[in-house]
Amino acid sequence: SGTPPEGAAFVRWDRAEPVPDELTR
């Protein structure tokens, strides 16, 4: 529904689910 600002990385995460590997790495 929105976009992160330019220059920021983005990881899709439904917080009802376990943390994605992209965040732990």
PDBML (XML) file of the C-alpha atoms, coordinates in Angstrom:
<?xml version="1.0" encoding="UTF-8" ?>
<PDBx:datablock datablockName="MODEL"
   xmlns:PDBx="http://pdbml.pdb.org/schema/pdbx-v50.xsd"
   xmlns:xsi="http://www.w3.org/2001/XMLSchema-instance"
   xsi:schemaLocation="http://pdbml.pdb.org/schema/pdbx-v50.xsd pdbx-v50.xsd">
   <PDBx:atom_siteCategory>
      <PDBx:atom_site id="1">
         <PDBx:B_iso_or_equiv>0.00</PDBx:B_iso_or_equiv>
         <PDBx:Cartn_x>0.000</PDBx:Cartn_x>
         <PDBx:Cartn_y>0.000</PDBx:Cartn_y>
         <PDBx:Cartn_z>0.000</PDBx:Cartn_z>
         <PDBx:auth_asym_id>A</PDBx:auth_asym_id>
         <PDBx:auth_atom_id>CA</PDBx:auth_atom_id>
         <PDBx:auth_comp_id>SER</PDBx:auth_comp_id>
         <PDBx:auth_seq_id>1</PDBx:auth_seq_id>
         <PDBx:group_PDB>ATOM</PDBx:group_PDB>
         <PDBx:label_alt_id xsi:nil="true" />
         <PDBx:label_asym_id>A</PDBx:label_asym_id>
         <PDBx:label_atom_id>CA</PDBx:label_atom_id>
         <PDBx:label_comp_id>SER</PDBx:label_comp_id>
         <PDBx:label_entity_id>1</PDBx:label_entity_id>
         <PDBx:label_seq_id>1</PDBx:label_seq_id>
         <PDBx:occupancy>1.00</PDBx:occupancy>
         <PDBx:pdbx_PDB_model_num>1</PDBx:pdbx_PDB_model_num>
         <PDBx:type_symbol>C</PDBx:type_symbol>
      </PDBx:atom_site>
      <PDBx:atom_site id="2">
         <PDBx:B_iso_or_equiv>0.00</PDBx:B_iso_or_equiv>
         <PDBx:Cartn_x>3.010</PDBx:Cartn_x>
         <PDBx:Cartn_y>2.272</PDBx:Cartn_y>
         <PDBx:Cartn_z>0.349</PDBx:Cartn_z>
         <PDBx:auth_asym_id>A</PDBx:auth_asym_id>
         <PDBx:auth_atom_id>CA</PDBx:auth_atom_id>
         <PDBx:auth_comp_id>GLY</PDBx:auth_comp_id>
         <PDBx:auth_seq_id>2</PDBx:auth_seq_id>
         <PDBx:group_PDB>ATOM</PDBx:group_PDB>
         <PDBx:label_alt_id xsi:nil="true" />
         <PDBx:label_asym_id>A</PDBx:label_asym_id>
         <PDBx:label_atom_id>CA</PDBx:label_atom_id>
         <PDBx:label_comp_id>GLY</PDBx:label_comp_id>
         <PDBx:label_entity_id>1</PDBx:label_entity_id>
         <PDBx:label_seq_id>2</PDBx:label_seq_id>
         <PDBx:occupancy>1.00</PDBx:occupancy>
         <PDBx:pdbx_PDB_model_num>1</PDBx:pdbx_PDB_model_num>
         <PDBx:type_symbol>C</PDBx:type_symbol>
      </PDBx:atom_site>
      <PDBx:atom_site id="3">
         <PDBx:B_iso_or_equiv>0.00</PDBx:B_iso_or_equiv>
         <PDBx:Cartn_x>6.631</PDBx:Cartn_x>
         <PDBx:Cartn_y>2.440</PDBx:Cartn_y>
         <PDBx:Cartn_z>-0.688</PDBx:Cartn_z>
         <PDBx:auth_asym_id>A</PDBx:auth_asym_id>
         <PDBx:auth_atom_id>CA</PDBx:auth_atom_id>
         <PDBx:auth_comp_id>THR</PDBx:auth_comp_id>
         <PDBx:auth_seq_id>3</PDBx:auth_seq_id>
         <PDBx:group_PDB>ATOM</PDBx:group_PDB>
         <PDBx:label_alt_id xsi:nil="true" />
         <PDBx:label_asym_id>A</PDBx:label_asym_id>
         <PDBx:label_atom_id>CA</PDBx:label_atom_id>
         <PDBx:label_comp_id>THR</PDBx:label_comp_id>
         <PDBx:label_entity_id>1</PDBx:label_entity_id>
         <PDBx:label_seq_id>3</PDBx:label_seq_id>
         <PDBx:occupancy>1.00</PDBx:occupancy>
         <PDBx:pdbx_PDB_model_num>1</PDBx:pdbx_PDB_model_num>
         <PDBx:type_symbol>C</PDBx:type_symbol>
      </PDBx:atom_site>
      <PDBx:atom_site id="4">
         <PDBx:B_iso_or_equiv>0.00</PDBx:B_iso_or_equiv>
         <PDBx:Cartn_x>9.795</PDBx:Cartn_x>
         <PDBx:Cartn_y>2.859</PDBx:Cartn_y>
         <PDBx:Cartn_z>1.385</PDBx:Cartn_z>
         <PDBx:auth_asym_id>A</PDBx:auth_asym_id>
         <PDBx:auth_atom_id>CA</PDBx:auth_atom_id>
         <PDBx:auth_comp_id>PRO</PDBx:auth_comp_id>
         <PDBx:auth_seq_id>4</PDBx:auth_seq_id>
         <PDBx:group_PDB>ATOM</PDBx:group_PDB>
         <PDBx:label_alt_id xsi:nil="true" />
         <PDBx:label_asym_id>A</PDBx:label_asym_id>
         <PDBx:label_atom_id>CA</PDBx:label_atom_id>
         <PDBx:label_comp_id>PRO</PDBx:label_comp_id>
         <PDBx:label_entity_id>1</PDBx:label_entity_id>
         <PDBx:label_seq_id>4</PDBx:label_seq_id>
         <PDBx:occupancy>1.00</PDBx:occupancy>
         <PDBx:pdbx_PDB_model_num>1</PDBx:pdbx_PDB_model_num>
         <PDBx:type_symbol>C</PDBx:type_symbol>
      </PDBx:atom_site>
      <PDBx:atom_site id="5">
         <PDBx:B_iso_or_equiv>0.00</PDBx:B_iso_or_equiv>
         <PDBx:Cartn_x>11.869</PDBx:Cartn_x>
         <PDBx:Cartn_y>5.968</PDBx:Cartn_y>
         <PDBx:Cartn_z>0.745</PDBx:Cartn_z>
         <PDBx:auth_asym_id>A</PDBx:auth_asym_id>
         <PDBx:auth_atom_id>CA</PDBx:auth_atom_id>
         <PDBx:auth_comp_id>PRO</PDBx:auth_comp_id>
         <PDBx:auth_seq_id>5</PDBx:auth_seq_id>
         <PDBx:group_PDB>ATOM</PDBx:group_PDB>
         <PDBx:label_alt_id xsi:nil="true" />
         <PDBx:label_asym_id>A</PDBx:label_asym_id>
         <PDBx:label_atom_id>CA</PDBx:label_atom_id>
         <PDBx:label_comp_id>PRO</PDBx:label_comp_id>
         <PDBx:label_entity_id>1</PDBx:label_entity_id>
         <PDBx:label_seq_id>5</PDBx:label_seq_id>
         <PDBx:occupancy>1.00</PDBx:occupancy>
         <PDBx:pdbx_PDB_model_num>1</PDBx:pdbx_PDB_model_num>
         <PDBx:type_symbol>C</PDBx:type_symbol>
      </PDBx:atom_site>
      <PDBx:atom_site id="6">
         <PDBx:B_iso_or_equiv>0.00</PDBx:B_iso_or_equiv>
         <PDBx:Cartn_x>14.558</PDBx:Cartn_x>
         <PDBx:Cartn_y>5.934</PDBx:Cartn_y>
         <PDBx:Cartn_z>-1.899</PDBx:Cartn_z>
         <PDBx:auth_asym_id>A</PDBx:auth_asym_id>
         <PDBx:auth_atom_id>CA</PDBx:auth_atom_id>
         <PDBx:auth_comp_id>GLU</PDBx:auth_comp_id>
         <PDBx:auth_seq_id>6</PDBx:auth_seq_id>
         <PDBx:group_PDB>ATOM</PDBx:group_PDB>
         <PDBx:label_alt_id xsi:nil="true" />
         <PDBx:label_asym_id>A</PDBx:label_asym_id>
         <PDBx:label_atom_id>CA</PDBx:label_atom_id>
         <PDBx:label_comp_id>GLU</PDBx:label_comp_id>
         <PDBx:label_entity_id>1</PDBx:label_entity_id>
         <PDBx:label_seq_id>6</PDBx:label_seq_id>
         <PDBx:occupancy>1.00</PDBx:occupancy>
         <PDBx:pdbx_PDB_model_num>1</PDBx:pdbx_PDB_model_num>
         <PDBx:type_symbol>C</PDBx:type_symbol>
      </PDBx:atom_site>
      <PDBx:atom_site id="7">
         <PDBx:B_iso_or_equiv>0.00</PDBx:B_iso_or_equiv>
         <PDBx:Cartn_x>17.768</PDBx:Cartn_x>
         <PDBx:Cartn_y>4.552</PDBx:Cartn_y>
         <PDBx:Cartn_z>-0.484</PDBx:Cartn_z>
         <PDBx:auth_asym_id>A</PDBx:auth_asym_id>
         <PDBx:auth_atom_id>CA</PDBx:auth_atom_id>
         <PDBx:auth_comp_id>GLY</PDBx:auth_comp_id>
         <PDBx:auth_seq_id>7</PDBx:auth_seq_id>
         <PDBx:group_PDB>ATOM</PDBx:group_PDB>
         <PDBx:label_alt_id xsi:nil="true" />
         <PDBx:label_asym_id>A</PDBx:label_asym_id>
         <PDBx:label_atom_id>CA</PDBx:label_atom_id>
         <PDBx:label_comp_id>GLY</PDBx:label_comp_id>
         <PDBx:label_entity_id>1</PDBx:label_entity_id>
         <PDBx:label_seq_id>7</PDBx:label_seq_id>
         <PDBx:occupancy>1.00</PDBx:occupancy>
         <PDBx:pdbx_PDB_model_num>1</PDBx:pdbx_PDB_model_num>
         <PDBx:type_symbol>C</PDBx:type_symbol>
      </PDBx:atom_site>
      <PDBx:atom_site id="8">
         <PDBx:B_iso_or_equiv>0.00</PDBx:B_iso_or_equiv>
         <PDBx:Cartn_x>16.154</PDBx:Cartn_x>
         <PDBx:Cartn_y>2.141</PDBx:Cartn_y>
         <PDBx:Cartn_z>1.978</PDBx:Cartn_z>
         <PDBx:auth_asym_id>A</PDBx:auth_asym_id>
         <PDBx:auth_atom_id>CA</PDBx:auth_atom_id>
         <PDBx:auth_comp_id>ALA</PDBx:auth_comp_id>
         <PDBx:auth_seq_id>8</PDBx:auth_seq_id>
         <PDBx:group_PDB>ATOM</PDBx:group_PDB>
         <PDBx:label_alt_id xsi:nil="true" />
         <PDBx:label_asym_id>A</PDBx:label_asym_id>
         <PDBx:label_atom_id>CA</PDBx:label_atom_id>
         <PDBx:label_comp_id>ALA</PDBx:label_comp_id>
         <PDBx:label_entity_id>1</PDBx:label_entity_id>
         <PDBx:label_seq_id>8</PDBx:label_seq_id>
         <PDBx:occupancy>1.00</PDBx:occupancy>
         <PDBx:pdbx_PDB_model_num>1</PDBx:pdbx_PDB_model_num>
         <PDBx:type_symbol>C</PDBx:type_symbol>
      </PDBx:atom_site>
      <PDBx:atom_site id="9">
         <PDBx:B_iso_or_equiv>0.00</PDBx:B_iso_or_equiv>
         <PDBx:Cartn_x>16.076</PDBx:Cartn_x>
         <PDBx:Cartn_y>-1.619</PDBx:Cartn_y>
         <PDBx:Cartn_z>1.520</PDBx:Cartn_z>
         <PDBx:auth_asym_id>A</PDBx:auth_asym_id>
         <PDBx:auth_atom_id>CA</PDBx:auth_atom_id>
         <PDBx:auth_comp_id>ALA</PDBx:auth_comp_id>
         <PDBx:auth_seq_id>9</PDBx:auth_seq_id>
         <PDBx:group_PDB>ATOM</PDBx:group_PDB>
         <PDBx:label_alt_id xsi:nil="true" />
         <PDBx:label_asym_id>A</PDBx:label_asym_id>
         <PDBx:label_atom_id>CA</PDBx:label_atom_id>
         <PDBx:label_comp_id>ALA</PDBx:label_comp_id>
         <PDBx:label_entity_id>1</PDBx:label_entity_id>
         <PDBx:label_seq_id>9</PDBx:label_seq_id>
         <PDBx:occupancy>1.00</PDBx:occupancy>
         <PDBx:pdbx_PDB_model_num>1</PDBx:pdbx_PDB_model_num>
         <PDBx:type_symbol>C</PDBx:type_symbol>
      </PDBx:atom_site>
      <PDBx:atom_site id="10">
         <PDBx:B_iso_or_equiv>0.00</PDBx:B_iso_or_equiv>
         <PDBx:Cartn_x>12.687</PDBx:Cartn_x>
         <PDBx:Cartn_y>-3.324</PDBx:Cartn_y>
         <PDBx:Cartn_z>1.688</PDBx:Cartn_z>
         <PDBx:auth_asym_id>A</PDBx:auth_asym_id>
         <PDBx:auth_atom_id>CA</PDBx:auth_atom_id>
         <PDBx:auth_comp_id>PHE</PDBx:auth_comp_id>
         <PDBx:auth_seq_id>10</PDBx:auth_seq_id>
         <PDBx:group_PDB>ATOM</PDBx:group_PDB>
         <PDBx:label_alt_id xsi:nil="true" />
         <PDBx:label_asym_id>A</PDBx:label_asym_id>
         <PDBx:label_atom_id>CA</PDBx:label_atom_id>
         <PDBx:label_comp_id>PHE</PDBx:label_comp_id>
         <PDBx:label_entity_id>1</PDBx:label_entity_id>
         <PDBx:label_seq_id>10</PDBx:label_seq_id>
         <PDBx:occupancy>1.00</PDBx:occupancy>
         <PDBx:pdbx_PDB_model_num>1</PDBx:pdbx_PDB_model_num>
         <PDBx:type_symbol>C</PDBx:type_symbol>
      </PDBx:atom_site>
      <PDBx:atom_site id="11">
         <PDBx:B_iso_or_equiv>0.00</PDBx:B_iso_or_equiv>
         <PDBx:Cartn_x>11.774</PDBx:Cartn_x>
         <PDBx:Cartn_y>-6.769</PDBx:Cartn_y>
         <PDBx:Cartn_z>3.006</PDBx:Cartn_z>
         <PDBx:auth_asym_id>A</PDBx:auth_asym_id>
         <PDBx:auth_atom_id>CA</PDBx:auth_atom_id>
         <PDBx:auth_comp_id>VAL</PDBx:auth_comp_id>
         <PDBx:auth_seq_id>11</PDBx:auth_seq_id>
         <PDBx:group_PDB>ATOM</PDBx:group_PDB>
         <PDBx:label_alt_id xsi:nil="true" />
         <PDBx:label_asym_id>A</PDBx:label_asym_id>
         <PDBx:label_atom_id>CA</PDBx:label_atom_id>
         <PDBx:label_comp_id>VAL</PDBx:label_comp_id>
         <PDBx:label_entity_id>1</PDBx:label_entity_id>
         <PDBx:label_seq_id>11</PDBx:label_seq_id>
         <PDBx:occupancy>1.00</PDBx:occupancy>
         <PDBx:pdbx_PDB_model_num>1</PDBx:pdbx_PDB_model_num>
         <PDBx:type_symbol>C</PDBx:type_symbol>
      </PDBx:atom_site>
      <PDBx:atom_site id="12">
         <PDBx:B_iso_or_equiv>0.00</PDBx:B_iso_or_equiv>
         <PDBx:Cartn_x>8.179</PDBx:Cartn_x>
         <PDBx:Cartn_y>-7.962</PDBx:Cartn_y>
         <PDBx:Cartn_z>2.821</PDBx:Cartn_z>
         <PDBx:auth_asym_id>A</PDBx:auth_asym_id>
         <PDBx:auth_atom_id>CA</PDBx:auth_atom_id>
         <PDBx:auth_comp_id>ARG</PDBx:auth_comp_id>
         <PDBx:auth_seq_id>12</PDBx:auth_seq_id>
         <PDBx:group_PDB>ATOM</PDBx:group_PDB>
         <PDBx:label_alt_id xsi:nil="true" />
         <PDBx:label_asym_id>A</PDBx:label_asym_id>
         <PDBx:label_atom_id>CA</PDBx:label_atom_id>
         <PDBx:label_comp_id>ARG</PDBx:label_comp_id>
         <PDBx:label_entity_id>1</PDBx:label_entity_id>
         <PDBx:label_seq_id>12</PDBx:label_seq_id>
         <PDBx:occupancy>1.00</PDBx:occupancy>
         <PDBx:pdbx_PDB_model_num>1</PDBx:pdbx_PDB_model_num>
         <PDBx:type_symbol>C</PDBx:type_symbol>
      </PDBx:atom_site>
      <PDBx:atom_site id="13">
         <PDBx:B_iso_or_equiv>0.00</PDBx:B_iso_or_equiv>
         <PDBx:Cartn_x>7.073</PDBx:Cartn_x>
         <PDBx:Cartn_y>-9.360</PDBx:Cartn_y>
         <PDBx:Cartn_z>6.183</PDBx:Cartn_z>
         <PDBx:auth_asym_id>A</PDBx:auth_asym_id>
         <PDBx:auth_atom_id>CA</PDBx:auth_atom_id>
         <PDBx:auth_comp_id>TRP</PDBx:auth_comp_id>
         <PDBx:auth_seq_id>13</PDBx:auth_seq_id>
         <PDBx:group_PDB>ATOM</PDBx:group_PDB>
         <PDBx:label_alt_id xsi:nil="true" />
         <PDBx:label_asym_id>A</PDBx:label_asym_id>
         <PDBx:label_atom_id>CA</PDBx:label_atom_id>
         <PDBx:label_comp_id>TRP</PDBx:label_comp_id>
         <PDBx:label_entity_id>1</PDBx:label_entity_id>
         <PDBx:label_seq_id>13</PDBx:label_seq_id>
         <PDBx:occupancy>1.00</PDBx:occupancy>
         <PDBx:pdbx_PDB_model_num>1</PDBx:pdbx_PDB_model_num>
         <PDBx:type_symbol>C</PDBx:type_symbol>
      </PDBx:atom_site>
      <PDBx:atom_site id="14">
         <PDBx:B_iso_or_equiv>0.00</PDBx:B_iso_or_equiv>
         <PDBx:Cartn_x>3.671</PDBx:Cartn_x>
         <PDBx:Cartn_y>-10.293</PDBx:Cartn_y>
         <PDBx:Cartn_z>7.500</PDBx:Cartn_z>
         <PDBx:auth_asym_id>A</PDBx:auth_asym_id>
         <PDBx:auth_atom_id>CA</PDBx:auth_atom_id>
         <PDBx:auth_comp_id>ASP</PDBx:auth_comp_id>
         <PDBx:auth_seq_id>14</PDBx:auth_seq_id>
         <PDBx:group_PDB>ATOM</PDBx:group_PDB>
         <PDBx:label_alt_id xsi:nil="true" />
         <PDBx:label_asym_id>A</PDBx:label_asym_id>
         <PDBx:label_atom_id>CA</PDBx:label_atom_id>
         <PDBx:label_comp_id>ASP</PDBx:label_comp_id>
         <PDBx:label_entity_id>1</PDBx:label_entity_id>
         <PDBx:label_seq_id>14</PDBx:label_seq_id>
         <PDBx:occupancy>1.00</PDBx:occupancy>
         <PDBx:pdbx_PDB_model_num>1</PDBx:pdbx_PDB_model_num>
         <PDBx:type_symbol>C</PDBx:type_symbol>
      </PDBx:atom_site>
      <PDBx:atom_site id="15">
         <PDBx:B_iso_or_equiv>0.00</PDBx:B_iso_or_equiv>
         <PDBx:Cartn_x>4.422</PDBx:Cartn_x>
         <PDBx:Cartn_y>-10.020</PDBx:Cartn_y>
         <PDBx:Cartn_z>11.215</PDBx:Cartn_z>
         <PDBx:auth_asym_id>A</PDBx:auth_asym_id>
         <PDBx:auth_atom_id>CA</PDBx:auth_atom_id>
         <PDBx:auth_comp_id>ARG</PDBx:auth_comp_id>
         <PDBx:auth_seq_id>15</PDBx:auth_seq_id>
         <PDBx:group_PDB>ATOM</PDBx:group_PDB>
         <PDBx:label_alt_id xsi:nil="true" />
         <PDBx:label_asym_id>A</PDBx:label_asym_id>
         <PDBx:label_atom_id>CA</PDBx:label_atom_id>
         <PDBx:label_comp_id>ARG</PDBx:label_comp_id>
         <PDBx:label_entity_id>1</PDBx:label_entity_id>
         <PDBx:label_seq_id>15</PDBx:label_seq_id>
         <PDBx:occupancy>1.00</PDBx:occupancy>
         <PDBx:pdbx_PDB_model_num>1</PDBx:pdbx_PDB_model_num>
         <PDBx:type_symbol>C</PDBx:type_symbol>
      </PDBx:atom_site>
      <PDBx:atom_site id="16">
         <PDBx:B_iso_or_equiv>0.00</PDBx:B_iso_or_equiv>
         <PDBx:Cartn_x>2.039</PDBx:Cartn_x>
         <PDBx:Cartn_y>-12.839</PDBx:Cartn_y>
         <PDBx:Cartn_z>12.014</PDBx:Cartn_z>
         <PDBx:auth_asym_id>A</PDBx:auth_asym_id>
         <PDBx:auth_atom_id>CA</PDBx:auth_atom_id>
         <PDBx:auth_comp_id>ALA</PDBx:auth_comp_id>
         <PDBx:auth_seq_id>16</PDBx:auth_seq_id>
         <PDBx:group_PDB>ATOM</PDBx:group_PDB>
         <PDBx:label_alt_id xsi:nil="true" />
         <PDBx:label_asym_id>A</PDBx:label_asym_id>
         <PDBx:label_atom_id>CA</PDBx:label_atom_id>
         <PDBx:label_comp_id>ALA</PDBx:label_comp_id>
         <PDBx:label_entity_id>1</PDBx:label_entity_id>
         <PDBx:label_seq_id>16</PDBx:label_seq_id>
         <PDBx:occupancy>1.00</PDBx:occupancy>
         <PDBx:pdbx_PDB_model_num>1</PDBx:pdbx_PDB_model_num>
         <PDBx:type_symbol>C</PDBx:type_symbol>
      </PDBx:atom_site>
      <PDBx:atom_site id="17">
         <PDBx:B_iso_or_equiv>0.00</PDBx:B_iso_or_equiv>
         <PDBx:Cartn_x>4.660</PDBx:Cartn_x>
         <PDBx:Cartn_y>-15.064</PDBx:Cartn_y>
         <PDBx:Cartn_z>10.359</PDBx:Cartn_z>
         <PDBx:auth_asym_id>A</PDBx:auth_asym_id>
         <PDBx:auth_atom_id>CA</PDBx:auth_atom_id>
         <PDBx:auth_comp_id>GLU</PDBx:auth_comp_id>
         <PDBx:auth_seq_id>17</PDBx:auth_seq_id>
         <PDBx:group_PDB>ATOM</PDBx:group_PDB>
         <PDBx:label_alt_id xsi:nil="true" />
         <PDBx:label_asym_id>A</PDBx:label_asym_id>
         <PDBx:label_atom_id>CA</PDBx:label_atom_id>
         <PDBx:label_comp_id>GLU</PDBx:label_comp_id>
         <PDBx:label_entity_id>1</PDBx:label_entity_id>
         <PDBx:label_seq_id>17</PDBx:label_seq_id>
         <PDBx:occupancy>1.00</PDBx:occupancy>
         <PDBx:pdbx_PDB_model_num>1</PDBx:pdbx_PDB_model_num>
         <PDBx:type_symbol>C</PDBx:type_symbol>
      </PDBx:atom_site>
      <PDBx:atom_site id="18">
         <PDBx:B_iso_or_equiv>0.00</PDBx:B_iso_or_equiv>
         <PDBx:Cartn_x>8.242</PDBx:Cartn_x>
         <PDBx:Cartn_y>-15.930</PDBx:Cartn_y>
         <PDBx:Cartn_z>11.428</PDBx:Cartn_z>
         <PDBx:auth_asym_id>A</PDBx:auth_asym_id>
         <PDBx:auth_atom_id>CA</PDBx:auth_atom_id>
         <PDBx:auth_comp_id>PRO</PDBx:auth_comp_id>
         <PDBx:auth_seq_id>18</PDBx:auth_seq_id>
         <PDBx:group_PDB>ATOM</PDBx:group_PDB>
         <PDBx:label_alt_id xsi:nil="true" />
         <PDBx:label_asym_id>A</PDBx:label_asym_id>
         <PDBx:label_atom_id>CA</PDBx:label_atom_id>
         <PDBx:label_comp_id>PRO</PDBx:label_comp_id>
         <PDBx:label_entity_id>1</PDBx:label_entity_id>
         <PDBx:label_seq_id>18</PDBx:label_seq_id>
         <PDBx:occupancy>1.00</PDBx:occupancy>
         <PDBx:pdbx_PDB_model_num>1</PDBx:pdbx_PDB_model_num>
         <PDBx:type_symbol>C</PDBx:type_symbol>
      </PDBx:atom_site>
      <PDBx:atom_site id="19">
         <PDBx:B_iso_or_equiv>0.00</PDBx:B_iso_or_equiv>
         <PDBx:Cartn_x>10.923</PDBx:Cartn_x>
         <PDBx:Cartn_y>-13.365</PDBx:Cartn_y>
         <PDBx:Cartn_z>10.684</PDBx:Cartn_z>
         <PDBx:auth_asym_id>A</PDBx:auth_asym_id>
         <PDBx:auth_atom_id>CA</PDBx:auth_atom_id>
         <PDBx:auth_comp_id>VAL</PDBx:auth_comp_id>
         <PDBx:auth_seq_id>19</PDBx:auth_seq_id>
         <PDBx:group_PDB>ATOM</PDBx:group_PDB>
         <PDBx:label_alt_id xsi:nil="true" />
         <PDBx:label_asym_id>A</PDBx:label_asym_id>
         <PDBx:label_atom_id>CA</PDBx:label_atom_id>
         <PDBx:label_comp_id>VAL</PDBx:label_comp_id>
         <PDBx:label_entity_id>1</PDBx:label_entity_id>
         <PDBx:label_seq_id>19</PDBx:label_seq_id>
         <PDBx:occupancy>1.00</PDBx:occupancy>
         <PDBx:pdbx_PDB_model_num>1</PDBx:pdbx_PDB_model_num>
         <PDBx:type_symbol>C</PDBx:type_symbol>
      </PDBx:atom_site>
      <PDBx:atom_site id="20">
         <PDBx:B_iso_or_equiv>0.00</PDBx:B_iso_or_equiv>
         <PDBx:Cartn_x>12.212</PDBx:Cartn_x>
         <PDBx:Cartn_y>-13.700</PDBx:Cartn_y>
         <PDBx:Cartn_z>7.094</PDBx:Cartn_z>
         <PDBx:auth_asym_id>A</PDBx:auth_asym_id>
         <PDBx:auth_atom_id>CA</PDBx:auth_atom_id>
         <PDBx:auth_comp_id>PRO</PDBx:auth_comp_id>
         <PDBx:auth_seq_id>20</PDBx:auth_seq_id>
         <PDBx:group_PDB>ATOM</PDBx:group_PDB>
         <PDBx:label_alt_id xsi:nil="true" />
         <PDBx:label_asym_id>A</PDBx:label_asym_id>
         <PDBx:label_atom_id>CA</PDBx:label_atom_id>
         <PDBx:label_comp_id>PRO</PDBx:label_comp_id>
         <PDBx:label_entity_id>1</PDBx:label_entity_id>
         <PDBx:label_seq_id>20</PDBx:label_seq_id>
         <PDBx:occupancy>1.00</PDBx:occupancy>
         <PDBx:pdbx_PDB_model_num>1</PDBx:pdbx_PDB_model_num>
         <PDBx:type_symbol>C</PDBx:type_symbol>
      </PDBx:atom_site>
      <PDBx:atom_site id="21">
         <PDBx:B_iso_or_equiv>0.00</PDBx:B_iso_or_equiv>
         <PDBx:Cartn_x>15.712</PDBx:Cartn_x>
         <PDBx:Cartn_y>-14.977</PDBx:Cartn_y>
         <PDBx:Cartn_z>6.510</PDBx:Cartn_z>
         <PDBx:auth_asym_id>A</PDBx:auth_asym_id>
         <PDBx:auth_atom_id>CA</PDBx:auth_atom_id>
         <PDBx:auth_comp_id>ASP</PDBx:auth_comp_id>
         <PDBx:auth_seq_id>21</PDBx:auth_seq_id>
         <PDBx:group_PDB>ATOM</PDBx:group_PDB>
         <PDBx:label_alt_id xsi:nil="true" />
         <PDBx:label_asym_id>A</PDBx:label_asym_id>
         <PDBx:label_atom_id>CA</PDBx:label_atom_id>
         <PDBx:label_comp_id>ASP</PDBx:label_comp_id>
         <PDBx:label_entity_id>1</PDBx:label_entity_id>
         <PDBx:label_seq_id>21</PDBx:label_seq_id>
         <PDBx:occupancy>1.00</PDBx:occupancy>
         <PDBx:pdbx_PDB_model_num>1</PDBx:pdbx_PDB_model_num>
         <PDBx:type_symbol>C</PDBx:type_symbol>
      </PDBx:atom_site>
      <PDBx:atom_site id="22">
         <PDBx:B_iso_or_equiv>0.00</PDBx:B_iso_or_equiv>
         <PDBx:Cartn_x>16.588</PDBx:Cartn_x>
         <PDBx:Cartn_y>-11.715</PDBx:Cartn_y>
         <PDBx:Cartn_z>4.737</PDBx:Cartn_z>
         <PDBx:auth_asym_id>A</PDBx:auth_asym_id>
         <PDBx:auth_atom_id>CA</PDBx:auth_atom_id>
         <PDBx:auth_comp_id>GLU</PDBx:auth_comp_id>
         <PDBx:auth_seq_id>22</PDBx:auth_seq_id>
         <PDBx:group_PDB>ATOM</PDBx:group_PDB>
         <PDBx:label_alt_id xsi:nil="true" />
         <PDBx:label_asym_id>A</PDBx:label_asym_id>
         <PDBx:label_atom_id>CA</PDBx:label_atom_id>
         <PDBx:label_comp_id>GLU</PDBx:label_comp_id>
         <PDBx:label_entity_id>1</PDBx:label_entity_id>
         <PDBx:label_seq_id>22</PDBx:label_seq_id>
         <PDBx:occupancy>1.00</PDBx:occupancy>
         <PDBx:pdbx_PDB_model_num>1</PDBx:pdbx_PDB_model_num>
         <PDBx:type_symbol>C</PDBx:type_symbol>
      </PDBx:atom_site>
      <PDBx:atom_site id="23">
         <PDBx:B_iso_or_equiv>0.00</PDBx:B_iso_or_equiv>
         <PDBx:Cartn_x>16.282</PDBx:Cartn_x>
         <PDBx:Cartn_y>-9.877</PDBx:Cartn_y>
         <PDBx:Cartn_z>8.057</PDBx:Cartn_z>
         <PDBx:auth_asym_id>A</PDBx:auth_asym_id>
         <PDBx:auth_atom_id>CA</PDBx:auth_atom_id>
         <PDBx:auth_comp_id>LEU</PDBx:auth_comp_id>
         <PDBx:auth_seq_id>23</PDBx:auth_seq_id>
         <PDBx:group_PDB>ATOM</PDBx:group_PDB>
         <PDBx:label_alt_id xsi:nil="true" />
         <PDBx:label_asym_id>A</PDBx:label_asym_id>
         <PDBx:label_atom_id>CA</PDBx:label_atom_id>
         <PDBx:label_comp_id>LEU</PDBx:label_comp_id>
         <PDBx:label_entity_id>1</PDBx:label_entity_id>
         <PDBx:label_seq_id>23</PDBx:label_seq_id>
         <PDBx:occupancy>1.00</PDBx:occupancy>
         <PDBx:pdbx_PDB_model_num>1</PDBx:pdbx_PDB_model_num>
         <PDBx:type_symbol>C</PDBx:type_symbol>
      </PDBx:atom_site>
      <PDBx:atom_site id="24">
         <PDBx:B_iso_or_equiv>0.00</PDBx:B_iso_or_equiv>
         <PDBx:Cartn_x>18.247</PDBx:Cartn_x>
         <PDBx:Cartn_y>-12.335</PDBx:Cartn_y>
         <PDBx:Cartn_z>10.164</PDBx:Cartn_z>
         <PDBx:auth_asym_id>A</PDBx:auth_asym_id>
         <PDBx:auth_atom_id>CA</PDBx:auth_atom_id>
         <PDBx:auth_comp_id>THR</PDBx:auth_comp_id>
         <PDBx:auth_seq_id>24</PDBx:auth_seq_id>
         <PDBx:group_PDB>ATOM</PDBx:group_PDB>
         <PDBx:label_alt_id xsi:nil="true" />
         <PDBx:label_asym_id>A</PDBx:label_asym_id>
         <PDBx:label_atom_id>CA</PDBx:label_atom_id>
         <PDBx:label_comp_id>THR</PDBx:label_comp_id>
         <PDBx:label_entity_id>1</PDBx:label_entity_id>
         <PDBx:label_seq_id>24</PDBx:label_seq_id>
         <PDBx:occupancy>1.00</PDBx:occupancy>
         <PDBx:pdbx_PDB_model_num>1</PDBx:pdbx_PDB_model_num>
         <PDBx:type_symbol>C</PDBx:type_symbol>
      </PDBx:atom_site>
      <PDBx:atom_site id="25">
         <PDBx:B_iso_or_equiv>0.00</PDBx:B_iso_or_equiv>
         <PDBx:Cartn_x>21.056</PDBx:Cartn_x>
         <PDBx:Cartn_y>-12.375</PDBx:Cartn_y>
         <PDBx:Cartn_z>7.591</PDBx:Cartn_z>
         <PDBx:auth_asym_id>A</PDBx:auth_asym_id>
         <PDBx:auth_atom_id>CA</PDBx:auth_atom_id>
         <PDBx:auth_comp_id>ARG</PDBx:auth_comp_id>
         <PDBx:auth_seq_id>25</PDBx:auth_seq_id>
         <PDBx:group_PDB>ATOM</PDBx:group_PDB>
         <PDBx:label_alt_id xsi:nil="true" />
         <PDBx:label_asym_id>A</PDBx:label_asym_id>
         <PDBx:label_atom_id>CA</PDBx:label_atom_id>
         <PDBx:label_comp_id>ARG</PDBx:label_comp_id>
         <PDBx:label_entity_id>1</PDBx:label_entity_id>
         <PDBx:label_seq_id>25</PDBx:label_seq_id>
         <PDBx:occupancy>1.00</PDBx:occupancy>
         <PDBx:pdbx_PDB_model_num>1</PDBx:pdbx_PDB_model_num>
         <PDBx:type_symbol>C</PDBx:type_symbol>
      </PDBx:atom_site>
   </PDBx:atom_siteCategory>
</PDBx:datablock>
